[in-house]
Amino acid sequence: MNIEIYTVDYCPYCHKALKFLDEHNADYTNHDITENEDEMREELGKKYHIKGDVTVPQIIIDGNRIGGYTDMIGLYESGALKFD
């Protein structure tokens, strides 16, 4: 499973998502976009066809955007997201 997460350093949900992934020993790549946040939010919106505001974290699994922290937790609790 290839997991990418886009975060900013002041976001509590970003910290929760990273902690969750760490607790499950998930292998992931964290892209901290704090320094060029506006540009990266715009780029993410275009790349993943996000309408409206682009929030963080943005979590991408195997090339598919699943959404943010609560979306990831929902997938995990439903059994759709499993960590080996």
Protein backbone atom coordinates (compact mmCIF):
# COMPACT_ATOMS: atom_id res chain seq x y z
CA MET A 1 0.00 0.00 0.00
CA ASN A 2 1.37 3.40 -1.00
CA ILE A 3 0.22 6.17 1.37
CA GLU A 4 0.92 9.85 0.86
CA ILE A 5 -0.32 12.54 3.22
CA TYR A 6 -0.25 16.30 2.72
CA THR A 7 -0.05 18.27 5.96
CA VAL A 8 0.68 21.66 7.47
CA ASP A 9 2.53 21.97 10.76
CA TYR A 10 -0.22 23.84 12.66
CA CYS A 11 -3.13 21.50 11.83
CA PRO A 12 -4.43 19.33 14.69
CA TYR A 13 -6.11 16.87 12.29
CA CYS A 14 -2.83 16.48 10.42
CA HIS A 15 -1.13 15.56 13.69
CA LYS A 16 -3.94 13.09 14.52
CA ALA A 17 -3.65 11.47 11.09
CA LEU A 18 0.12 11.10 11.37
CA LYS A 19 -0.21 9.67 14.88
CA PHE A 20 -2.83 7.17 13.68
CA LEU A 21 -0.59 6.03 10.82
CA ASP A 22 2.39 5.73 13.18
CA GLU A 23 0.34 3.73 15.69
CA HIS A 24 -0.55 1.28 12.93
CA ASN A 25 3.05 1.06 11.70
CA ALA A 26 1.95 2.30 8.29
CA ASP A 27 4.61 3.14 5.75
CA TYR A 28 3.77 6.60 4.38
CA THR A 29 5.27 9.70 2.86
CA ASN A 30 4.44 12.99 4.56
CA HIS A 31 4.45 16.08 2.36
CA ASP A 32 4.58 19.10 4.69
CA ILE A 33 3.22 21.95 2.56
CA THR A 34 3.45 24.63 5.26
CA GLU A 35 6.05 26.77 3.47
CA ASN A 36 4.19 26.97 0.13
CA GLU A 37 0.70 26.18 1.39
CA ASP A 38 -1.42 28.31 -0.96
CA GLU A 39 0.35 27.07 -4.08
CA MET A 40 0.20 23.43 -2.95
CA ARG A 41 -3.47 23.61 -1.99
CA GLU A 42 -4.23 24.94 -5.46
CA GLU A 43 -2.11 22.21 -7.06
CA LEU A 44 -3.81 19.48 -5.01
CA GLY A 45 -7.21 20.86 -5.96
CA LYS A 46 -6.37 20.63 -9.64
CA LYS A 47 -4.69 17.23 -9.44
CA TYR A 48 -7.51 15.55 -7.51
CA HIS A 49 -10.42 17.61 -8.89
CA ILE A 50 -11.36 18.98 -5.47
CA LYS A 51 -14.18 21.50 -5.64
CA GLY A 52 -14.09 24.33 -3.11
CA ASP A 53 -11.52 24.71 -0.38
CA VAL A 54 -8.71 22.18 -0.23
CA THR A 55 -8.38 21.14 3.39
CA VAL A 56 -5.59 19.26 5.09
CA PRO A 57 -4.70 16.60 5.69
CA GLN A 58 -5.20 15.19 2.22
CA ILE A 59 -4.60 11.46 2.27
CA ILE A 60 -3.82 9.53 -0.91
CA ILE A 61 -3.76 5.72 -0.90
CA ASP A 62 -2.50 3.92 -3.98
CA GLY A 63 -3.08 7.05 -6.05
CA ASN A 64 -6.67 7.55 -4.87
CA ARG A 65 -7.60 10.50 -2.68
CA ILE A 66 -9.58 9.23 0.28
CA GLY A 67 -10.02 12.63 1.93
CA GLY A 68 -8.89 13.67 5.37
CA TYR A 69 -8.47 12.30 8.86
CA THR A 70 -12.15 11.52 9.56
CA ASP A 71 -12.48 9.85 6.15
CA MET A 72 -9.48 7.65 6.92
CA ILE A 73 -10.87 6.70 10.34
CA GLY A 74 -14.25 5.89 8.78
CA LEU A 75 -12.61 3.59 6.22
CA TYR A 76 -10.58 1.91 8.96
CA GLU A 77 -13.59 1.40 11.24
CA SER A 78 -15.64 -0.03 8.35
CA GLY A 79 -12.89 -2.52 7.55
CA ALA A 80 -12.23 -1.01 4.11
CA LEU A 81 -8.76 0.15 5.20
CA LYS A 82 -6.46 -2.44 6.75
CA PHE A 83 -2.81 -2.28 7.71
CA ASP A 84 -0.72 -5.44 7.42
